[in-house]
Amino acid sequence: MAVRRVVPNIRSEAVPESRAFYGLLGLEEVMNHGWIMTLASPSAPTAQLSFMTEDRTAPVVPDMSVEVDDVDAAYAVVRDSGAEILHPLQDEEWGVRRLFVRDPNGRVVNVLGHR
């Protein structure tokens, strides 16, 4: 399993203002589902920030997202480790397969792969 990118998820009630502010630093909107918006660097597209008002299908807003090339393998490793899984492995309607797990620091990690 390989990591493709790691993205901080920022809980925000100021999404348009965040887009404008981080636009000053050169980040551009690459995804917007209304409840989550992602900005990326045009010159380094895996350099990203996501802003979330909520998570539409999960009980909490994750602190970060880790995209992997094999989310089923990641799930097996996490499950076998005994780590706390907060959101079960499932396919989401917007094209990702994901799970949420708590890290040793209490942070919620969204582990995902694109379908």
PDB file of N, CA and C in Angstrom:
ATOM      1  N   MET A   1       0.846  -1.168   0.000  1.00  0.00           N
ATOM      2  CA  MET A   1       0.000   0.000   0.000  1.00  0.00           C
ATOM      3  C   MET A   1       0.898   1.240   0.000  1.00  0.00           C
ATOM      4  N   ALA A   2       0.547   2.205  -0.846  1.00  0.00           N
ATOM      5  CA  ALA A   2       1.330   3.439  -0.931  1.00  0.00           C
ATOM      6  C   ALA A   2       0.437   4.640  -0.653  1.00  0.00           C
ATOM      7  N   VAL A   3       1.003   5.651  -0.005  1.00  0.00           N
ATOM      8  CA  VAL A   3       0.287   6.896   0.260  1.00  0.00           C
ATOM      9  C   VAL A   3       0.409   7.787  -0.973  1.00  0.00           C
ATOM     10  N   ARG A   4      -0.725   8.304  -1.403  1.00  0.00           N
ATOM     11  CA  ARG A   4      -0.742   9.216  -2.558  1.00  0.00           C
ATOM     12  C   ARG A   4      -0.703  10.676  -2.136  1.00  0.00           C
ATOM     13  N   ARG A   5      -1.372  10.997  -1.028  1.00  0.00           N
ATOM     14  CA  ARG A   5      -1.362  12.377  -0.521  1.00  0.00           C
ATOM     15  C   ARG A   5      -1.909  12.394   0.894  1.00  0.00           C
ATOM     16  N   VAL A   6      -1.559  13.433   1.626  1.00  0.00           N
ATOM     17  CA  VAL A   6      -2.079  13.682   2.965  1.00  0.00           C
ATOM     18  C   VAL A   6      -2.623  15.111   2.955  1.00  0.00           C
ATOM     19  N   VAL A   7      -3.874  15.259   3.395  1.00  0.00           N
ATOM     20  CA  VAL A   7      -4.553  16.559   3.318  1.00  0.00           C
ATOM     21  C   VAL A   7      -5.106  16.931   4.688  1.00  0.00           C
ATOM     22  N   PRO A   8      -4.722  18.103   5.227  1.00  0.00           N
ATOM     23  CA  PRO A   8      -5.359  18.576   6.455  1.00  0.00           C
ATOM     24  C   PRO A   8      -6.815  18.943   6.160  1.00  0.00           C
ATOM     25  N   ASN A   9      -7.724  18.560   7.057  1.00  0.00           N
ATOM     26  CA  ASN A   9      -9.134  18.936   6.963  1.00  0.00           C
ATOM     27  C   ASN A   9      -9.399  19.968   8.045  1.00  0.00           C
ATOM     28  N   ILE A  10      -9.867  21.132   7.636  1.00  0.00           N
ATOM     29  CA  ILE A  10     -10.096  22.237   8.562  1.00  0.00           C
ATOM     30  C   ILE A  10     -11.600  22.442   8.697  1.00  0.00           C
ATOM     31  N   ARG A  11     -12.112  22.266   9.907  1.00  0.00           N
ATOM     32  CA  ARG A  11     -13.531  22.538  10.143  1.00  0.00           C
ATOM     33  C   ARG A  11     -13.723  24.038  10.021  1.00  0.00           C
ATOM     34  N   SER A  12     -14.713  24.458   9.213  1.00  0.00           N
ATOM     35  CA  SER A  12     -14.865  25.879   8.920  1.00  0.00           C
ATOM     36  C   SER A  12     -16.316  26.258   8.690  1.00  0.00           C
ATOM     37  N   GLU A  13     -16.686  27.381   9.219  1.00  0.00           N
ATOM     38  CA  GLU A  13     -17.970  28.006   8.893  1.00  0.00           C
ATOM     39  C   GLU A  13     -17.721  29.208   7.983  1.00  0.00           C
ATOM     40  N   ALA A  14     -16.481  29.379   7.533  1.00  0.00           N
ATOM     41  CA  ALA A  14     -16.083  30.504   6.687  1.00  0.00           C
ATOM     42  C   ALA A  14     -15.425  29.988   5.406  1.00  0.00           C
ATOM     43  N   VAL A  15     -16.106  29.100   4.707  1.00  0.00           N
ATOM     44  CA  VAL A  15     -15.511  28.473   3.520  1.00  0.00           C
ATOM     45  C   VAL A  15     -15.217  29.489   2.417  1.00  0.00           C
ATOM     46  N   PRO A  16     -16.153  30.357   2.025  1.00  0.00           N
ATOM     47  CA  PRO A  16     -15.823  31.330   0.970  1.00  0.00           C
ATOM     48  C   PRO A  16     -14.669  32.257   1.360  1.00  0.00           C
ATOM     49  N   GLU A  17     -14.651  32.669   2.631  1.00  0.00           N
ATOM     50  CA  GLU A  17     -13.562  33.526   3.101  1.00  0.00           C
ATOM     51  C   GLU A  17     -12.236  32.779   3.089  1.00  0.00           C
ATOM     52  N   SER A  18     -12.261  31.489   3.403  1.00  0.00           N
ATOM     53  CA  SER A  18     -11.038  30.678   3.362  1.00  0.00           C
ATOM     54  C   SER A  18     -10.534  30.549   1.929  1.00  0.00           C
ATOM     55  N   ARG A  19     -11.457  30.330   0.993  1.00  0.00           N
ATOM     56  CA  ARG A  19     -11.068  30.248  -0.428  1.00  0.00           C
ATOM     57  C   ARG A  19     -10.372  31.541  -0.843  1.00  0.00           C
ATOM     58  N   ALA A  20     -10.943  32.686  -0.470  1.00  0.00           N
ATOM     59  CA  ALA A  20     -10.344  33.973  -0.835  1.00  0.00           C
ATOM     60  C   ALA A  20      -8.978  34.158  -0.183  1.00  0.00           C
ATOM     61  N   PHE A  21      -8.874  33.844   1.116  1.00  0.00           N
ATOM     62  CA  PHE A  21      -7.605  34.028   1.823  1.00  0.00           C
ATOM     63  C   PHE A  21      -6.510  33.145   1.241  1.00  0.00           C
ATOM     64  N   TYR A  22      -6.774  31.845   1.105  1.00  0.00           N
ATOM     65  CA  TYR A  22      -5.739  30.939   0.613  1.00  0.00           C
ATOM     66  C   TYR A  22      -5.477  31.126  -0.877  1.00  0.00           C
ATOM     67  N   GLY A  23      -6.429  31.744  -1.570  1.00  0.00           N
ATOM     68  CA  GLY A  23      -6.189  32.142  -2.956  1.00  0.00           C
ATOM     69  C   GLY A  23      -5.080  33.177  -3.049  1.00  0.00           C
ATOM     70  N   LEU A  24      -4.967  34.012  -2.017  1.00  0.00           N
ATOM     71  CA  LEU A  24      -3.870  34.990  -1.972  1.00  0.00           C
ATOM     72  C   LEU A  24      -2.513  34.289  -1.983  1.00  0.00           C
ATOM     73  N   LEU A  25      -2.479  33.059  -1.459  1.00  0.00           N
ATOM     74  CA  LEU A  25      -1.230  32.294  -1.405  1.00  0.00           C
ATOM     75  C   LEU A  25      -1.045  31.386  -2.622  1.00  0.00           C
ATOM     76  N   GLY A  26      -1.982  31.463  -3.561  1.00  0.00           N
ATOM     77  CA  GLY A  26      -1.833  30.708  -4.804  1.00  0.00           C
ATOM     78  C   GLY A  26      -2.604  29.403  -4.874  1.00  0.00           C
ATOM     79  N   LEU A  27      -3.399  29.078  -3.851  1.00  0.00           N
ATOM     80  CA  LEU A  27      -4.188  27.847  -3.912  1.00  0.00           C
ATOM     81  C   LEU A  27      -5.485  28.099  -4.677  1.00  0.00           C
ATOM     82  N   GLU A  28      -5.909  27.108  -5.433  1.00  0.00           N
ATOM     83  CA  GLU A  28      -7.116  27.219  -6.247  1.00  0.00           C
ATOM     84  C   GLU A  28      -8.086  26.104  -5.906  1.00  0.00           C
ATOM     85  N   GLU A  29      -9.380  26.398  -6.029  1.00  0.00           N
ATOM     86  CA  GLU A  29     -10.414  25.406  -5.751  1.00  0.00           C
ATOM     87  C   GLU A  29     -10.358  24.282  -6.788  1.00  0.00           C
ATOM     88  N   VAL A  30     -10.288  23.040  -6.295  1.00  0.00           N
ATOM     89  CA  VAL A  30     -10.285  21.874  -7.181  1.00  0.00           C
ATOM     90  C   VAL A  30     -11.486  20.962  -6.938  1.00  0.00           C
ATOM     91  N   MET A  31     -12.206  21.177  -5.821  1.00  0.00           N
ATOM     92  CA  MET A  31     -13.393  20.383  -5.524  1.00  0.00           C
ATOM     93  C   MET A  31     -14.269  21.186  -4.577  1.00  0.00           C
ATOM     94  N   ASN A  32     -15.596  21.101  -4.806  1.00  0.00           N
ATOM     95  CA  ASN A  32     -16.525  21.748  -3.889  1.00  0.00           C
ATOM     96  C   ASN A  32     -17.849  21.000  -3.946  1.00  0.00           C
ATOM     97  N   HIS A  33     -18.186  20.321  -2.841  1.00  0.00           N
ATOM     98  CA  HIS A  33     -19.450  19.600  -2.727  1.00  0.00           C
ATOM     99  C   HIS A  33     -20.443  20.354  -1.839  1.00  0.00           C
ATOM    100  N   GLY A  34     -20.142  21.590  -1.513  1.00  0.00           N
ATOM    101  CA  GLY A  34     -21.006  22.362  -0.636  1.00  0.00           C
ATOM    102  C   GLY A  34     -20.622  22.224   0.825  1.00  0.00           C
ATOM    103  N   TRP A  35     -20.428  21.019   1.297  1.00  0.00           N
ATOM    104  CA  TRP A  35     -20.040  20.769   2.694  1.00  0.00           C
ATOM    105  C   TRP A  35     -18.539  20.538   2.841  1.00  0.00           C
ATOM    106  N   ILE A  36     -17.855  20.297   1.716  1.00  0.00           N
ATOM    107  CA  ILE A  36     -16.389  20.186   1.699  1.00  0.00           C
ATOM    108  C   ILE A  36     -15.866  20.870   0.443  1.00  0.00           C
ATOM    109  N   MET A  37     -14.820  21.652   0.628  1.00  0.00           N
ATOM    110  CA  MET A  37     -14.144  22.312  -0.483  1.00  0.00           C
ATOM    111  C   MET A  37     -12.650  22.036  -0.337  1.00  0.00           C
ATOM    112  N   THR A  38     -12.010  21.712  -1.449  1.00  0.00           N
ATOM    113  CA  THR A  38     -10.568  21.463  -1.437  1.00  0.00           C
ATOM    114  C   THR A  38      -9.872  22.468  -2.338  1.00  0.00           C
ATOM    115  N   LEU A  39      -8.786  23.017  -1.820  1.00  0.00           N
ATOM    116  CA  LEU A  39      -7.919  23.930  -2.564  1.00  0.00           C
ATOM    117  C   LEU A  39      -6.596  23.222  -2.807  1.00  0.00           C
ATOM    118  N   ALA A  40      -5.977  23.498  -3.960  1.00  0.00           N
ATOM    119  CA  ALA A  40      -4.692  22.870  -4.280  1.00  0.00           C
ATOM    120  C   ALA A  40      -3.781  23.870  -4.964  1.00  0.00           C
ATOM    121  N   SER A  41      -2.505  23.557  -4.909  1.00  0.00           N
ATOM    122  CA  SER A  41      -1.502  24.340  -5.619  1.00  0.00           C
ATOM    123  C   SER A  41      -1.469  23.904  -7.077  1.00  0.00           C
ATOM    124  N   PRO A  42      -1.582  24.834  -8.026  1.00  0.00           N
ATOM    125  CA  PRO A  42      -1.506  24.449  -9.442  1.00  0.00           C
ATOM    126  C   PRO A  42      -0.154  23.834  -9.819  1.00  0.00           C
ATOM    127  N   SER A  43       0.908  24.252  -9.142  1.00  0.00           N
ATOM    128  CA  SER A  43       2.236  23.741  -9.487  1.00  0.00           C
ATOM    129  C   SER A  43       2.583  22.438  -8.754  1.00  0.00           C
ATOM    130  N   ALA A  44       1.891  22.146  -7.674  1.00  0.00           N
ATOM    131  CA  ALA A  44       2.104  20.908  -6.904  1.00  0.00           C
ATOM    132  C   ALA A  44       0.724  20.420  -6.464  1.00  0.00           C
ATOM    133  N   PRO A  45      -0.032  19.756  -7.352  1.00  0.00           N
ATOM    134  CA  PRO A  45      -1.442  19.449  -7.102  1.00  0.00           C
ATOM    135  C   PRO A  45      -1.734  18.597  -5.866  1.00  0.00           C
ATOM    136  N   THR A  46      -0.754  17.895  -5.333  1.00  0.00           N
ATOM    137  CA  THR A  46      -1.020  17.120  -4.117  1.00  0.00           C
ATOM    138  C   THR A  46      -0.853  17.962  -2.853  1.00  0.00           C
ATOM    139  N   ALA A  47      -0.412  19.221  -2.993  1.00  0.00           N
ATOM    140  CA  ALA A  47      -0.370  20.155  -1.861  1.00  0.00           C
ATOM    141  C   ALA A  47      -1.775  20.746  -1.734  1.00  0.00           C
ATOM    142  N   GLN A  48      -2.530  20.273  -0.741  1.00  0.00           N
ATOM    143  CA  GLN A  48      -3.942  20.601  -0.648  1.00  0.00           C
ATOM    144  C   GLN A  48      -4.366  20.932   0.779  1.00  0.00           C
ATOM    145  N   LEU A  49      -5.475  21.662   0.884  1.00  0.00           N
ATOM    146  CA  LEU A  49      -6.185  21.918   2.130  1.00  0.00           C
ATOM    147  C   LEU A  49      -7.658  21.677   1.849  1.00  0.00           C
ATOM    148  N   SER A  50      -8.352  21.035   2.774  1.00  0.00           N
ATOM    149  CA  SER A  50      -9.794  20.873   2.654  1.00  0.00           C
ATOM    150  C   SER A  50     -10.470  21.605   3.804  1.00  0.00           C
ATOM    151  N   PHE A  51     -11.602  22.241   3.515  1.00  0.00           N
ATOM    152  CA  PHE A  51     -12.399  22.968   4.482  1.00  0.00           C
ATOM    153  C   PHE A  51     -13.764  22.306   4.532  1.00  0.00           C
ATOM    154  N   MET A  52     -14.204  21.950   5.739  1.00  0.00           N
ATOM    155  CA  MET A  52     -15.452  21.202   5.892  1.00  0.00           C
ATOM    156  C   MET A  52     -16.377  21.892   6.889  1.00  0.00           C
ATOM    157  N   THR A  53     -17.647  22.015   6.505  1.00  0.00           N
ATOM    158  CA  THR A  53     -18.652  22.499   7.446  1.00  0.00           C
ATOM    159  C   THR A  53     -19.202  21.337   8.257  1.00  0.00           C
ATOM    160  N   GLU A  54     -19.160  20.137   7.671  1.00  0.00           N
ATOM    161  CA  GLU A  54     -19.634  18.900   8.283  1.00  0.00           C
ATOM    162  C   GLU A  54     -19.102  17.750   7.432  1.00  0.00           C
ATOM    163  N   ASP A  55     -19.360  16.548   7.853  1.00  0.00           N
ATOM    164  CA  ASP A  55     -19.137  15.395   6.989  1.00  0.00           C
ATOM    165  C   ASP A  55     -20.512  14.796   6.756  1.00  0.00           C
ATOM    166  N   ARG A  56     -20.933  14.752   5.523  1.00  0.00           N
ATOM    167  CA  ARG A  56     -22.302  14.390   5.204  1.00  0.00           C
ATOM    168  C   ARG A  56     -22.695  12.972   5.581  1.00  0.00           C
ATOM    169  N   THR A  57     -21.754  12.038   5.607  1.00  0.00           N
ATOM    170  CA  THR A  57     -22.123  10.640   5.880  1.00  0.00           C
ATOM    171  C   THR A  57     -21.393  10.021   7.063  1.00  0.00           C
ATOM    172  N   ALA A  58     -20.627  10.816   7.789  1.00  0.00           N
ATOM    173  CA  ALA A  58     -19.875  10.272   8.925  1.00  0.00           C
ATOM    174  C   ALA A  58     -20.213  11.061  10.185  1.00  0.00           C
ATOM    175  N   PRO A  59     -19.964  10.475  11.346  1.00  0.00           N
ATOM    176  CA  PRO A  59     -20.364  11.114  12.603  1.00  0.00           C
ATOM    177  C   PRO A  59     -19.507  12.291  13.043  1.00  0.00           C
ATOM    178  N   VAL A  60     -18.322  12.446  12.484  1.00  0.00           N
ATOM    179  CA  VAL A  60     -17.406  13.521  12.885  1.00  0.00           C
ATOM    180  C   VAL A  60     -16.689  14.069  11.658  1.00  0.00           C
ATOM    181  N   VAL A  61     -16.122  15.248  11.810  1.00  0.00           N
ATOM    182  CA  VAL A  61     -15.262  15.819  10.771  1.00  0.00           C
ATOM    183  C   VAL A  61     -13.848  15.317  11.044  1.00  0.00           C
ATOM    184  N   PRO A  62     -13.219  14.654  10.070  1.00  0.00           N
ATOM    185  CA  PRO A  62     -11.866  14.145  10.304  1.00  0.00           C
ATOM    186  C   PRO A  62     -10.845  15.278  10.349  1.00  0.00           C
ATOM    187  N   ASP A  63      -9.764  15.029  11.072  1.00  0.00           N
ATOM    188  CA  ASP A  63      -8.692  16.015  11.172  1.00  0.00           C
ATOM    189  C   ASP A  63      -7.802  16.033   9.937  1.00  0.00           C
ATOM    190  N   MET A  64      -7.691  14.894   9.281  1.00  0.00           N
ATOM    191  CA  MET A  64      -6.869  14.803   8.070  1.00  0.00           C
ATOM    192  C   MET A  64      -7.371  13.659   7.214  1.00  0.00           C
ATOM    193  N   SER A  65      -6.993  13.712   5.952  1.00  0.00           N
ATOM    194  CA  SER A  65      -7.292  12.627   5.021  1.00  0.00           C
ATOM    195  C   SER A  65      -5.981  12.076   4.497  1.00  0.00           C
ATOM    196  N   VAL A  66      -5.904  10.752   4.431  1.00  0.00           N
ATOM    197  CA  VAL A  66      -4.737  10.084   3.862  1.00  0.00           C
ATOM    198  C   VAL A  66      -5.254   9.227   2.714  1.00  0.00           C
ATOM    199  N   GLU A  67      -4.895   9.609   1.495  1.00  0.00           N
ATOM    200  CA  GLU A  67      -5.285   8.825   0.324  1.00  0.00           C
ATOM    201  C   GLU A  67      -4.240   7.750   0.075  1.00  0.00           C
ATOM    202  N   VAL A  68      -4.705   6.523  -0.048  1.00  0.00           N
ATOM    203  CA  VAL A  68      -3.820   5.389  -0.303  1.00  0.00           C
ATOM    204  C   VAL A  68      -4.230   4.714  -1.604  1.00  0.00           C
ATOM    205  N   ASP A  69      -3.327   3.921  -2.156  1.00  0.00           N
ATOM    206  CA  ASP A  69      -3.644   3.240  -3.413  1.00  0.00           C
ATOM    207  C   ASP A  69      -4.465   1.974  -3.206  1.00  0.00           C
ATOM    208  N   ASP A  70      -4.545   1.468  -1.972  1.00  0.00           N
ATOM    209  CA  ASP A  70      -5.328   0.264  -1.679  1.00  0.00           C
ATOM    210  C   ASP A  70      -6.004   0.419  -0.321  1.00  0.00           C
ATOM    211  N   VAL A  71      -7.196   1.006  -0.324  1.00  0.00           N
ATOM    212  CA  VAL A  71      -7.888   1.289   0.932  1.00  0.00           C
ATOM    213  C   VAL A  71      -8.340   0.013   1.638  1.00  0.00           C
ATOM    214  N   ASP A  72      -8.604  -1.059   0.894  1.00  0.00           N
ATOM    215  CA  ASP A  72      -8.983  -2.318   1.530  1.00  0.00           C
ATOM    216  C   ASP A  72      -7.812  -2.898   2.321  1.00  0.00           C
ATOM    217  N   ALA A  73      -6.606  -2.787   1.772  1.00  0.00           N
ATOM    218  CA  ALA A  73      -5.418  -3.251   2.503  1.00  0.00           C
ATOM    219  C   ALA A  73      -5.187  -2.389   3.737  1.00  0.00           C
ATOM    220  N   ALA A  74      -5.378  -1.075   3.600  1.00  0.00           N
ATOM    221  CA  ALA A  74      -5.226  -0.184   4.752  1.00  0.00           C
ATOM    222  C   ALA A  74      -6.231  -0.537   5.837  1.00  0.00           C
ATOM    223  N   TYR A  75      -7.464  -0.802   5.445  1.00  0.00           N
ATOM    224  CA  TYR A  75      -8.494  -1.186   6.407  1.00  0.00           C
ATOM    225  C   TYR A  75      -8.098  -2.454   7.161  1.00  0.00           C
ATOM    226  N   ALA A  76      -7.607  -3.455   6.437  1.00  0.00           N
ATOM    227  CA  ALA A  76      -7.211  -4.714   7.079  1.00  0.00           C
ATOM    228  C   ALA A  76      -6.100  -4.484   8.100  1.00  0.00           C
ATOM    229  N   VAL A  77      -5.119  -3.673   7.751  1.00  0.00           N
ATOM    230  CA  VAL A  77      -3.996  -3.398   8.655  1.00  0.00           C
ATOM    231  C   VAL A  77      -4.484  -2.656   9.898  1.00  0.00           C
ATOM    232  N   VAL A  78      -5.328  -1.645   9.694  1.00  0.00           N
ATOM    233  CA  VAL A  78      -5.845  -0.855  10.819  1.00  0.00           C
ATOM    234  C   VAL A  78      -6.727  -1.717  11.722  1.00  0.00           C
ATOM    235  N   ARG A  79      -7.619  -2.487  11.116  1.00  0.00           N
ATOM    236  CA  ARG A  79      -8.516  -3.362  11.892  1.00  0.00           C
ATOM    237  C   ARG A  79      -7.704  -4.356  12.710  1.00  0.00           C
ATOM    238  N   ASP A  80      -6.728  -4.995  12.083  1.00  0.00           N
ATOM    239  CA  ASP A  80      -5.913  -5.997  12.778  1.00  0.00           C
ATOM    240  C   ASP A  80      -5.054  -5.394  13.885  1.00  0.00           C
ATOM    241  N   SER A  81      -4.769  -4.091  13.788  1.00  0.00           N
ATOM    242  CA  SER A  81      -3.968  -3.428  14.828  1.00  0.00           C
ATOM    243  C   SER A  81      -4.769  -3.171  16.094  1.00  0.00           C
ATOM    244  N   GLY A  82      -6.096  -3.219  15.976  1.00  0.00           N
ATOM    245  CA  GLY A  82      -6.947  -2.924  17.120  1.00  0.00           C
ATOM    246  C   GLY A  82      -7.275  -1.453  17.264  1.00  0.00           C
ATOM    247  N   ALA A  83      -6.865  -0.628  16.313  1.00  0.00           N
ATOM    248  CA  ALA A  83      -7.169   0.801  16.374  1.00  0.00           C
ATOM    249  C   ALA A  83      -8.684   1.019  16.327  1.00  0.00           C
ATOM    250  N   GLU A  84      -9.124   2.124  16.911  1.00  0.00           N
ATOM    251  CA  GLU A  84     -10.557   2.442  16.964  1.00  0.00           C
ATOM    252  C   GLU A  84     -11.042   2.926  15.602  1.00  0.00           C
ATOM    253  N   ILE A  85     -11.951   2.198  15.010  1.00  0.00           N
ATOM    254  CA  ILE A  85     -12.557   2.593  13.740  1.00  0.00           C
ATOM    255  C   ILE A  85     -13.845   3.337  14.054  1.00  0.00           C
ATOM    256  N   LEU A  86     -13.918   4.595  13.603  1.00  0.00           N
ATOM    257  CA  LEU A  86     -15.049   5.464  13.920  1.00  0.00           C
ATOM    258  C   LEU A  86     -16.113   5.472  12.822  1.00  0.00           C
ATOM    259  N   HIS A  87     -15.724   5.154  11.627  1.00  0.00           N
ATOM    260  CA  HIS A  87     -16.638   5.143  10.470  1.00  0.00           C
ATOM    261  C   HIS A  87     -16.236   3.929   9.641  1.00  0.00           C
ATOM    262  N   PRO A  88     -17.149   3.004   9.418  1.00  0.00           N
ATOM    263  CA  PRO A  88     -16.778   1.753   8.744  1.00  0.00           C
ATOM    264  C   PRO A  88     -16.358   1.964   7.290  1.00  0.00           C
ATOM    265  N   LEU A  89     -15.609   1.021   6.786  1.00  0.00           N
ATOM    266  CA  LEU A  89     -15.197   1.049   5.381  1.00  0.00           C
ATOM    267  C   LEU A  89     -16.443   0.997   4.513  1.00  0.00           C
ATOM    268  N   GLN A  90     -16.580   1.991   3.641  1.00  0.00           N
ATOM    269  CA  GLN A  90     -17.739   2.002   2.753  1.00  0.00           C
ATOM    270  C   GLN A  90     -17.470   2.864   1.536  1.00  0.00           C
ATOM    271  N   ASP A  91     -18.244   2.608   0.491  1.00  0.00           N
ATOM    272  CA  ASP A  91     -18.196   3.408  -0.729  1.00  0.00           C
ATOM    273  C   ASP A  91     -19.104   4.613  -0.542  1.00  0.00           C
ATOM    274  N   GLU A  92     -18.604   5.781  -0.905  1.00  0.00           N
ATOM    275  CA  GLU A  92     -19.392   7.009  -0.815  1.00  0.00           C
ATOM    276  C   GLU A  92     -19.838   7.409  -2.220  1.00  0.00           C
ATOM    277  N   GLU A  93     -20.957   8.099  -2.300  1.00  0.00           N
ATOM    278  CA  GLU A  93     -21.557   8.434  -3.585  1.00  0.00           C
ATOM    279  C   GLU A  93     -20.703   9.378  -4.428  1.00  0.00           C
ATOM    280  N   TRP A  94     -19.747  10.086  -3.822  1.00  0.00           N
ATOM    281  CA  TRP A  94     -18.918  11.020  -4.580  1.00  0.00           C
ATOM    282  C   TRP A  94     -17.626  10.380  -5.083  1.00  0.00           C
ATOM    283  N   GLY A  95     -17.544   9.055  -5.048  1.00  0.00           N
ATOM    284  CA  GLY A  95     -16.457   8.369  -5.739  1.00  0.00           C
ATOM    285  C   GLY A  95     -15.278   7.914  -4.910  1.00  0.00           C
ATOM    286  N   VAL A  96     -15.411   7.898  -3.589  1.00  0.00           N
ATOM    287  CA  VAL A  96     -14.321   7.390  -2.765  1.00  0.00           C
ATOM    288  C   VAL A  96     -14.795   6.196  -1.945  1.00  0.00           C
ATOM    289  N   ARG A  97     -13.857   5.382  -1.549  1.00  0.00           N
ATOM    290  CA  ARG A  97     -14.068   4.301  -0.587  1.00  0.00           C
ATOM    291  C   ARG A  97     -13.239   4.708   0.617  1.00  0.00           C
ATOM    292  N   ARG A  98     -13.844   4.705   1.813  1.00  0.00           N
ATOM    293  CA  ARG A  98     -13.112   5.271   2.950  1.00  0.00           C
ATOM    294  C   ARG A  98     -13.551   4.682   4.280  1.00  0.00           C
ATOM    295  N   LEU A  99     -12.722   4.963   5.290  1.00  0.00           N
ATOM    296  CA  LEU A  99     -13.008   4.653   6.681  1.00  0.00           C
ATOM    297  C   LEU A  99     -12.381   5.748   7.531  1.00  0.00           C
ATOM    298  N   PHE A 100     -12.859   5.890   8.760  1.00  0.00           N
ATOM    299  CA  PHE A 100     -12.251   6.810   9.716  1.00  0.00           C
ATOM    300  C   PHE A 100     -11.662   5.977  10.842  1.00  0.00           C
ATOM    301  N   VAL A 101     -10.456   6.344  11.262  1.00  0.00           N
ATOM    302  CA  VAL A 101      -9.781   5.668  12.362  1.00  0.00           C
ATOM    303  C   VAL A 101      -9.158   6.733  13.270  1.00  0.00           C
ATOM    304  N   ARG A 102      -9.093   6.433  14.559  1.00  0.00           N
ATOM    305  CA  ARG A 102      -8.478   7.367  15.514  1.00  0.00           C
ATOM    306  C   ARG A 102      -7.001   7.020  15.663  1.00  0.00           C
ATOM    307  N   ASP A 103      -6.136   8.035  15.566  1.00  0.00           N
ATOM    308  CA  ASP A 103      -4.702   7.799  15.741  1.00  0.00           C
ATOM    309  C   ASP A 103      -4.345   7.844  17.231  1.00  0.00           C
ATOM    310  N   PRO A 104      -3.098   7.523  17.611  1.00  0.00           N
ATOM    311  CA  PRO A 104      -2.721   7.498  19.032  1.00  0.00           C
ATOM    312  C   PRO A 104      -2.840   8.847  19.732  1.00  0.00           C
ATOM    313  N   ASN A 105      -2.906   9.946  18.971  1.00  0.00           N
ATOM    314  CA  ASN A 105      -3.045  11.279  19.550  1.00  0.00           C
ATOM    315  C   ASN A 105      -4.503  11.713  19.680  1.00  0.00           C
ATOM    316  N   GLY A 106      -5.420  10.839  19.284  1.00  0.00           N
ATOM    317  CA  GLY A 106      -6.841  11.172  19.353  1.00  0.00           C
ATOM    318  C   GLY A 106      -7.379  11.827  18.095  1.00  0.00           C
ATOM    319  N   ARG A 107      -6.527  12.020  17.100  1.00  0.00           N
ATOM    320  CA  ARG A 107      -6.947  12.643  15.841  1.00  0.00           C
ATOM    321  C   ARG A 107      -7.728  11.641  14.992  1.00  0.00           C
ATOM    322  N   VAL A 108      -8.712  12.147  14.268  1.00  0.00           N
ATOM    323  CA  VAL A 108      -9.514  11.303  13.387  1.00  0.00           C
ATOM    324  C   VAL A 108      -8.930  11.397  11.983  1.00  0.00           C
ATOM    325  N   VAL A 109      -8.599  10.221  11.437  1.00  0.00           N
ATOM    326  CA  VAL A 109      -7.973  10.138  10.115  1.00  0.00           C
ATOM    327  C   VAL A 109      -8.959   9.486   9.145  1.00  0.00           C
ATOM    328  N   ASN A 110      -9.226  10.184   8.059  1.00  0.00           N
ATOM    329  CA  ASN A 110     -10.041   9.683   6.966  1.00  0.00           C
ATOM    330  C   ASN A 110      -9.088   8.969   6.007  1.00  0.00           C
ATOM    331  N   VAL A 111      -9.162   7.645   5.951  1.00  0.00           N
ATOM    332  CA  VAL A 111      -8.306   6.856   5.056  1.00  0.00           C
ATOM    333  C   VAL A 111      -9.161   6.530   3.844  1.00  0.00           C
ATOM    334  N   LEU A 112      -8.706   6.945   2.663  1.00  0.00           N
ATOM    335  CA  LEU A 112      -9.556   6.811   1.480  1.00  0.00           C
ATOM    336  C   LEU A 112      -8.778   6.405   0.244  1.00  0.00           C
ATOM    337  N   GLY A 113      -9.532   5.928  -0.710  1.00  0.00           N
ATOM    338  CA  GLY A 113      -9.030   5.655  -2.049  1.00  0.00           C
ATOM    339  C   GLY A 113     -10.119   6.035  -3.026  1.00  0.00           C
ATOM    340  N   HIS A 114      -9.722   6.519  -4.182  1.00  0.00           N
ATOM    341  CA  HIS A 114     -10.701   6.857  -5.215  1.00  0.00           C
ATOM    342  C   HIS A 114     -11.074   5.605  -5.999  1.00  0.00           C
ATOM    343  N   ARG A 115     -12.352   5.501  -6.333  1.00  0.00           N
ATOM    344  CA  ARG A 115     -12.836   4.353  -7.107  1.00  0.00           C
ATOM    345  C   ARG A 115     -12.749   4.650  -8.577  1.00  0.00           C
TER     346      ARG A 115
END
